[in-house]
C-alpha atoms as a PDB file:
ATOM      1  CA  MET A   1     -23.686 -15.124   4.904  1.00  0.00           C
ATOM      2  CA  ALA A   2     -23.387 -12.315   7.637  1.00  0.00           C
ATOM      3  CA  ALA A   3     -23.908  -8.649   5.508  1.00  0.00           C
ATOM      4  CA  VAL A   4     -20.480  -7.077   5.301  1.00  0.00           C
ATOM      5  CA  ALA A   5     -20.469  -4.219   8.030  1.00  0.00           C
ATOM      6  CA  ARG A   6     -20.660   0.117   6.459  1.00  0.00           C
ATOM      7  CA  ARG A   7     -16.913   0.881   6.260  1.00  0.00           C
ATOM      8  CA  TYR A   8     -15.994   5.020   7.645  1.00  0.00           C
ATOM      9  CA  VAL A   9     -13.436   6.703   8.413  1.00  0.00           C
ATOM     10  CA  LEU A  10     -13.081   9.936  10.902  1.00  0.00           C
ATOM     11  CA  ASP A  11     -12.050  13.139   9.950  1.00  0.00           C
ATOM     12  CA  THR A  12     -10.018  14.970  12.730  1.00  0.00           C
ATOM     13  CA  HIS A  13     -13.142  16.862  14.053  1.00  0.00           C
ATOM     14  CA  ALA A  14     -15.219  13.542  13.915  1.00  0.00           C
ATOM     15  CA  CYS A  15     -12.474  11.539  15.714  1.00  0.00           C
ATOM     16  CA  VAL A  16     -12.410  14.213  19.233  1.00  0.00           C
ATOM     17  CA  PHE A  17     -15.929  15.157  19.386  1.00  0.00           C
ATOM     18  CA  THR A  18     -16.405  11.316  19.602  1.00  0.00           C
ATOM     19  CA  LEU A  19     -14.351  11.263  22.857  1.00  0.00           C
ATOM     20  CA  THR A  20     -14.682  14.670  24.040  1.00  0.00           C
ATOM     21  CA  ALA A  21     -17.771  15.572  22.800  1.00  0.00           C
ATOM     22  CA  PRO A  22     -20.271  13.552  21.372  1.00  0.00           C
ATOM     23  CA  ARG A  23     -22.969  16.213  21.267  1.00  0.00           C
ATOM     24  CA  LYS A  24     -20.955  18.226  18.898  1.00  0.00           C
ATOM     25  CA  LEU A  25     -21.428  15.209  16.497  1.00  0.00           C
ATOM     26  CA  GLY A  26     -24.055  16.022  13.730  1.00  0.00           C
ATOM     27  CA  LEU A  27     -27.440  13.183  13.715  1.00  0.00           C
ATOM     28  CA  GLU A  28     -25.688  11.071  11.083  1.00  0.00           C
ATOM     29  CA  ALA A  29     -22.212  11.168  12.520  1.00  0.00           C
ATOM     30  CA  ARG A  30     -23.828   9.851  16.158  1.00  0.00           C
ATOM     31  CA  ALA A  31     -25.773   7.396  14.180  1.00  0.00           C
ATOM     32  CA  VAL A  32     -22.373   6.019  12.507  1.00  0.00           C
ATOM     33  CA  LEU A  33     -20.705   6.137  16.344  1.00  0.00           C
ATOM     34  CA  ARG A  34     -24.023   4.307  17.595  1.00  0.00           C
ATOM     35  CA  ARG A  35     -23.493   1.150  14.693  1.00  0.00           C
ATOM     36  CA  VAL A  36     -19.523   1.540  15.238  1.00  0.00           C
ATOM     37  CA  GLU A  37     -20.509   0.558  19.318  1.00  0.00           C
ATOM     38  CA  ALA A  38     -23.226  -1.994  18.094  1.00  0.00           C
ATOM     39  CA  GLY A  39     -20.513  -3.927  16.145  1.00  0.00           C
ATOM     40  CA  GLN A  40     -22.821  -3.150  12.995  1.00  0.00           C
ATOM     41  CA  ALA A  41     -19.999  -0.599  11.573  1.00  0.00           C
ATOM     42  CA  GLN A  42     -16.500  -0.035  11.077  1.00  0.00           C
ATOM     43  CA  ALA A  43     -14.824   2.973  11.676  1.00  0.00           C
ATOM     44  CA  TYR A  44     -11.109   4.142  11.114  1.00  0.00           C
ATOM     45  CA  VAL A  45      -8.997   6.898  12.135  1.00  0.00           C
ATOM     46  CA  PRO A  46      -6.797   7.424   9.951  1.00  0.00           C
ATOM     47  CA  ALA A  47      -3.232   8.140  10.584  1.00  0.00           C
ATOM     48  CA  ALA A  48      -3.416  11.282   9.128  1.00  0.00           C
ATOM     49  CA  VAL A  49      -6.003  12.216  11.831  1.00  0.00           C
ATOM     50  CA  VAL A  50      -4.149  11.185  14.489  1.00  0.00           C
ATOM     51  CA  ALA A  51      -1.084  13.297  13.788  1.00  0.00           C
ATOM     52  CA  GLU A  52      -2.955  16.535  13.737  1.00  0.00           C
ATOM     53  CA  VAL A  53      -4.321  15.356  16.719  1.00  0.00           C
ATOM     54  CA  LEU A  54      -1.437  15.771  18.395  1.00  0.00           C
ATOM     55  CA  ILE A  55      -0.591  19.047  16.638  1.00  0.00           C
ATOM     56  CA  LEU A  56      -3.549  20.060  18.217  1.00  0.00           C
ATOM     57  CA  ARG A  57      -2.651  18.847  21.663  1.00  0.00           C
ATOM     58  CA  ASP A  58       1.106  20.526  21.190  1.00  0.00           C
ATOM     59  CA  LEU A  59      -1.272  23.855  19.979  1.00  0.00           C
ATOM     60  CA  GLY A  60      -3.775  23.518  23.532  1.00  0.00           C
ATOM     61  CA  ARG A  61      -6.482  23.455  21.730  1.00  0.00           C
ATOM     62  CA  VAL A  62      -7.626  19.784  22.272  1.00  0.00           C
ATOM     63  CA  ARG A  63      -7.135  17.971  25.564  1.00  0.00           C
ATOM     64  CA  ILE A  64      -6.776  14.209  24.350  1.00  0.00           C
ATOM     65  CA  GLY A  65      -3.680  13.306  22.592  1.00  0.00           C
ATOM     66  CA  LEU A  66      -2.011   9.104  21.794  1.00  0.00           C
ATOM     67  CA  PRO A  67      -3.376   8.031  24.869  1.00  0.00           C
ATOM     68  CA  GLU A  68      -6.554   8.557  25.052  1.00  0.00           C
ATOM     69  CA  LEU A  69      -6.685   8.045  20.826  1.00  0.00           C
ATOM     70  CA  ARG A  70      -4.907   4.347  21.993  1.00  0.00           C
ATOM     71  CA  LYS A  71      -7.278   3.742  24.597  1.00  0.00           C
ATOM     72  CA  ALA A  72     -10.033   4.739  22.166  1.00  0.00           C
ATOM     73  CA  THR A  73      -9.231   1.926  19.354  1.00  0.00           C
ATOM     74  CA  GLU A  74      -7.714  -0.539  21.842  1.00  0.00           C
ATOM     75  CA  SER A  75     -11.750  -0.691  23.493  1.00  0.00           C
ATOM     76  CA  ALA A  76     -13.861  -0.110  20.872  1.00  0.00           C
ATOM     77  CA  PRO A  77     -13.626  -3.148  18.613  1.00  0.00           C
ATOM     78  CA  GLY A  78     -15.172  -1.488  15.655  1.00  0.00           C
ATOM     79  CA  LEU A  79     -12.830   1.081  15.709  1.00  0.00           C
ATOM     80  CA  CYS A  80      -9.843   0.995  14.531  1.00  0.00           C
ATOM     81  CA  PHE A  81      -6.695   2.831  13.497  1.00  0.00           C
ATOM     82  CA  LEU A  82      -5.652   2.929   9.584  1.00  0.00           C
ATOM     83  CA  PRO A  83      -2.292   2.925   8.937  1.00  0.00           C
ATOM     84  CA  LEU A  84      -0.674   5.794   6.186  1.00  0.00           C
ATOM     85  CA  ASP A  85       0.164   3.486   3.224  1.00  0.00           C
ATOM     86  CA  LEU A  86       1.160   3.219  -0.601  1.00  0.00           C
ATOM     87  CA  THR A  87      -2.508   3.306  -1.628  1.00  0.00           C
ATOM     88  CA  GLN A  88      -4.197   5.892  -0.069  1.00  0.00           C
ATOM     89  CA  LEU A  89      -0.615   8.105  -1.135  1.00  0.00           C
ATOM     90  CA  ASP A  90      -1.734   6.963  -4.869  1.00  0.00           C
ATOM     91  CA  HIS A  91      -4.806   8.601  -4.108  1.00  0.00           C
ATOM     92  CA  PHE A  92      -3.073  11.710  -2.303  1.00  0.00           C
ATOM     93  CA  ALA A  93      -1.451  12.430  -5.279  1.00  0.00           C
ATOM     94  CA  ALA A  94      -4.165  12.180  -7.256  1.00  0.00           C
ATOM     95  CA  LEU A  95      -5.942  14.463  -4.743  1.00  0.00           C
ATOM     96  CA  VAL A  96      -4.072  18.188  -6.228  1.00  0.00           C
ATOM     97  CA  MET A  97      -7.260  20.215  -5.488  1.00  0.00           C
ATOM     98  CA  LEU A  98      -7.093  19.750  -2.111  1.00  0.00           C
ATOM     99  CA  ARG A  99      -4.955  22.276  -0.618  1.00  0.00           C
ATOM    100  CA  ASP A 100      -4.617  21.616   2.764  1.00  0.00           C
ATOM    101  CA  PRO A 101      -2.374  17.936   3.575  1.00  0.00           C
ATOM    102  CA  PHE A 102      -4.747  17.110   6.147  1.00  0.00           C
ATOM    103  CA  ASP A 103      -7.424  17.192   4.264  1.00  0.00           C
ATOM    104  CA  ARG A 104      -6.343  15.321   1.358  1.00  0.00           C
ATOM    105  CA  LEU A 105      -4.303  11.820   3.199  1.00  0.00           C
ATOM    106  CA  ILE A 106      -7.926  12.029   4.574  1.00  0.00           C
ATOM    107  CA  VAL A 107     -10.012  12.243   1.783  1.00  0.00           C
ATOM    108  CA  SER A 108      -7.093  10.075   0.503  1.00  0.00           C
ATOM    109  CA  ALA A 109      -7.787   6.874   2.896  1.00  0.00           C
ATOM    110  CA  ALA A 110     -11.760   6.994   3.177  1.00  0.00           C
ATOM    111  CA  ARG A 111     -11.101   6.921  -0.970  1.00  0.00           C
ATOM    112  CA  SER A 112      -8.396   4.028  -0.427  1.00  0.00           C
ATOM    113  CA  MET A 113     -10.893   2.203   1.837  1.00  0.00           C
ATOM    114  CA  GLY A 114     -14.082   2.395   0.151  1.00  0.00           C
ATOM    115  CA  ALA A 115     -15.730   4.618   3.171  1.00  0.00           C
ATOM    116  CA  ALA A 116     -17.428   7.217   3.233  1.00  0.00           C
ATOM    117  CA  LEU A 117     -16.301   9.827   5.515  1.00  0.00           C
ATOM    118  CA  VAL A 118     -17.623  11.108   8.522  1.00  0.00           C
ATOM    119  CA  THR A 119     -16.886  15.030   8.633  1.00  0.00           C
ATOM    120  CA  ARG A 120     -18.663  18.606   9.014  1.00  0.00           C
ATOM    121  CA  ASP A 121     -16.108  19.780   6.254  1.00  0.00           C
ATOM    122  CA  GLY A 122     -18.464  21.670   4.023  1.00  0.00           C
ATOM    123  CA  GLN A 123     -15.669  22.042   0.858  1.00  0.00           C
ATOM    124  CA  ILE A 124     -15.096  18.135   1.423  1.00  0.00           C
ATOM    125  CA  ALA A 125     -18.445  17.479   0.818  1.00  0.00           C
ATOM    126  CA  ASP A 126     -19.261  20.252  -1.861  1.00  0.00           C
ATOM    127  CA  SER A 127     -16.308  18.477  -3.712  1.00  0.00           C
ATOM    128  CA  GLY A 128     -17.614  15.111  -4.577  1.00  0.00           C
ATOM    129  CA  LEU A 129     -14.392  13.353  -4.044  1.00  0.00           C
ATOM    130  CA  VAL A 130     -15.625  11.006  -1.196  1.00  0.00           C
ATOM    131  CA  GLU A 131     -19.164  10.236   0.501  1.00  0.00           C
ATOM    132  CA  THR A 132     -19.713  12.208   3.737  1.00  0.00           C
ATOM    133  CA  VAL A 133     -22.218  11.846   6.301  1.00  0.00           C
ATOM    134  CA  TRP A 134     -22.780  14.516   9.042  1.00  0.00           C
ATOM    135  CA  SER A 135     -25.795  16.270   9.487  1.00  0.00           C
END
């Protein structure tokens, strides 16, 4: 029986850095992405991350948009888009301690998938709400 690949959810920084500046990723985050590229792990880009990237692009803070995100998920079998669903929204409803709605949606995505969250956000890491990977 083949081993089940480890699952990860990328937050906005992790997604943007993966596509534009991989050296800005933490060492553990880079190792995760290498495993994803090798087919040894699965990484998900939640709908909330895509929405946040599009907002950041509109504000001129990032240069990537939907075409780059789509190409990344289509070209890397271990990287896929994670639509927002009711299970994630169940988690979202319970995570009232997270004030930022994008953080709340992203943590909800990781919790609903039983996945570790690739994030550099210290508040999320310190919260204990989800396993995190970065350093």
